[in-house]
Amino acid sequence: MKNVIFTYDTIQNGERGEACAMILLEDDRAKAIKEAFGEHPEDPHKAYFLRERAIGFCWSCEHIRGRGYVDNSIKSVEVKEA
């Protein structure tokens, strides 16, 4: 199992900030997500859908926290051993 950590921008009360969200995934899924955010994904169509799902995850995390996710602001995707 791996922890996948997304770092991105948020907005609250008109002020922009930085936040992160972490999710625990199986090794192969974590690798696929990391690759989807790379420069040359093996399967661009699959990468697109994985990126969209990751953005949705970050968006949901921020709305649960009472903040807004800034569109297309994912700055980094880290994969660490759980």
C-alpha atoms as a PDB file:
ATOM      1  CA  MET A   1       0.000   0.000   0.000  1.00  0.00           C
ATOM      2  CA  LYS A   2       1.099   3.538  -0.793  1.00  0.00           C
ATOM      3  CA  ASN A   3       0.046   6.998   0.340  1.00  0.00           C
ATOM      4  CA  VAL A   4      -0.569   9.337  -2.574  1.00  0.00           C
ATOM      5  CA  ILE A   5      -0.281  12.994  -1.567  1.00  0.00           C
ATOM      6  CA  PHE A   6      -1.633  15.762  -3.787  1.00  0.00           C
ATOM      7  CA  THR A   7      -0.533  19.374  -3.213  1.00  0.00           C
ATOM      8  CA  TYR A   8      -2.679  22.120  -4.722  1.00  0.00           C
ATOM      9  CA  ASP A   9      -4.104  25.620  -4.227  1.00  0.00           C
ATOM     10  CA  THR A  10      -7.240  26.488  -2.286  1.00  0.00           C
ATOM     11  CA  ILE A  11      -9.314  29.579  -1.725  1.00  0.00           C
ATOM     12  CA  GLN A  12     -11.177  30.683   1.387  1.00  0.00           C
ATOM     13  CA  ASN A  13     -12.657  34.111   2.117  1.00  0.00           C
ATOM     14  CA  GLY A  14     -11.000  35.456  -1.022  1.00  0.00           C
ATOM     15  CA  GLU A  15      -7.524  34.377   0.099  1.00  0.00           C
ATOM     16  CA  ARG A  16      -5.504  31.808  -1.759  1.00  0.00           C
ATOM     17  CA  GLY A  17      -3.513  29.171   0.081  1.00  0.00           C
ATOM     18  CA  GLU A  18      -1.904  25.783  -0.380  1.00  0.00           C
ATOM     19  CA  ALA A  19      -3.229  22.476   0.888  1.00  0.00           C
ATOM     20  CA  CYS A  20      -2.740  18.766   0.453  1.00  0.00           C
ATOM     21  CA  ALA A  21      -4.899  15.676   0.466  1.00  0.00           C
ATOM     22  CA  MET A  22      -3.726  12.115   0.978  1.00  0.00           C
ATOM     23  CA  ILE A  23      -5.284   8.812  -0.001  1.00  0.00           C
ATOM     24  CA  LEU A  24      -4.146   5.247   0.672  1.00  0.00           C
ATOM     25  CA  LEU A  25      -4.039   3.121  -2.496  1.00  0.00           C
ATOM     26  CA  GLU A  26      -2.809  -0.216  -3.750  1.00  0.00           C
ATOM     27  CA  ASP A  27       0.711  -0.019  -5.221  1.00  0.00           C
ATOM     28  CA  ASP A  28      -0.364  -0.431  -8.849  1.00  0.00           C
ATOM     29  CA  ARG A  29      -3.064   2.237  -8.577  1.00  0.00           C
ATOM     30  CA  ALA A  30      -0.642   4.684  -6.920  1.00  0.00           C
ATOM     31  CA  LYS A  31       1.868   4.084  -9.708  1.00  0.00           C
ATOM     32  CA  ALA A  32      -0.795   4.696 -12.369  1.00  0.00           C
ATOM     33  CA  ILE A  33      -1.852   7.989 -10.771  1.00  0.00           C
ATOM     34  CA  LYS A  34       1.739   9.173 -10.429  1.00  0.00           C
ATOM     35  CA  GLU A  35       2.315   8.315 -14.104  1.00  0.00           C
ATOM     36  CA  ALA A  36      -0.900  10.110 -15.133  1.00  0.00           C
ATOM     37  CA  PHE A  37       0.549  13.376 -13.815  1.00  0.00           C
ATOM     38  CA  GLY A  38       3.894  12.797 -15.564  1.00  0.00           C
ATOM     39  CA  GLU A  39       5.015  14.388 -18.810  1.00  0.00           C
ATOM     40  CA  HIS A  40       4.511  11.382 -21.097  1.00  0.00           C
ATOM     41  CA  PRO A  41       1.902   8.948 -19.760  1.00  0.00           C
ATOM     42  CA  GLU A  42       1.842   5.547 -21.431  1.00  0.00           C
ATOM     43  CA  ASP A  43      -1.896   5.776 -22.171  1.00  0.00           C
ATOM     44  CA  PRO A  44      -2.991   9.438 -22.504  1.00  0.00           C
ATOM     45  CA  HIS A  45      -6.714   8.605 -22.404  1.00  0.00           C
ATOM     46  CA  LYS A  46      -6.424   6.595 -19.200  1.00  0.00           C
ATOM     47  CA  ALA A  47      -4.189   9.313 -17.735  1.00  0.00           C
ATOM     48  CA  TYR A  48      -6.806  11.967 -18.488  1.00  0.00           C
ATOM     49  CA  PHE A  49      -9.517  10.097 -16.575  1.00  0.00           C
ATOM     50  CA  LEU A  50      -7.202   9.364 -13.637  1.00  0.00           C
ATOM     51  CA  ARG A  51      -6.251  13.060 -13.442  1.00  0.00           C
ATOM     52  CA  GLU A  52      -9.926  14.058 -13.529  1.00  0.00           C
ATOM     53  CA  ARG A  53     -10.728  11.634 -10.714  1.00  0.00           C
ATOM     54  CA  ALA A  54      -7.801  12.957  -8.657  1.00  0.00           C
ATOM     55  CA  ILE A  55      -8.987  16.535  -9.214  1.00  0.00           C
ATOM     56  CA  GLY A  56     -12.468  15.481  -8.081  1.00  0.00           C
ATOM     57  CA  PHE A  57     -10.967  13.934  -4.951  1.00  0.00           C
ATOM     58  CA  CYS A  58      -9.063  17.144  -4.113  1.00  0.00           C
ATOM     59  CA  TRP A  59     -12.151  19.244  -4.872  1.00  0.00           C
ATOM     60  CA  SER A  60     -14.255  17.101  -2.523  1.00  0.00           C
ATOM     61  CA  CYS A  61     -11.675  17.242   0.267  1.00  0.00           C
ATOM     62  CA  GLU A  62     -11.601  21.032   0.138  1.00  0.00           C
ATOM     63  CA  HIS A  63     -15.378  21.413   0.122  1.00  0.00           C
ATOM     64  CA  ILE A  64     -15.597  19.132   3.158  1.00  0.00           C
ATOM     65  CA  ARG A  65     -13.039  21.457   4.815  1.00  0.00           C
ATOM     66  CA  GLY A  66     -15.152  24.489   3.918  1.00  0.00           C
ATOM     67  CA  ARG A  67     -12.744  25.820   1.300  1.00  0.00           C
ATOM     68  CA  GLY A  68     -12.638  25.885  -2.475  1.00  0.00           C
ATOM     69  CA  TYR A  69     -10.282  23.973  -4.750  1.00  0.00           C
ATOM     70  CA  VAL A  70      -8.569  26.174  -7.368  1.00  0.00           C
ATOM     71  CA  ASP A  71      -9.071  24.589 -10.797  1.00  0.00           C
ATOM     72  CA  ASN A  72      -6.012  22.955 -12.398  1.00  0.00           C
ATOM     73  CA  SER A  73      -3.809  23.793  -9.424  1.00  0.00           C
ATOM     74  CA  ILE A  74      -2.327  20.395  -8.537  1.00  0.00           C
ATOM     75  CA  LYS A  75       1.361  21.210  -8.075  1.00  0.00           C
ATOM     76  CA  SER A  76       2.723  17.842  -7.059  1.00  0.00           C
ATOM     77  CA  VAL A  77       1.830  14.197  -6.632  1.00  0.00           C
ATOM     78  CA  GLU A  78       3.988  12.262  -4.176  1.00  0.00           C
ATOM     79  CA  VAL A  79       3.872   8.535  -3.567  1.00  0.00           C
ATOM     80  CA  LYS A  80       5.178   7.262  -0.231  1.00  0.00           C
ATOM     81  CA  GLU A  81       5.211   3.902   1.480  1.00  0.00           C
ATOM     82  CA  ALA A  82       2.282   3.505   3.882  1.00  0.00           C
END
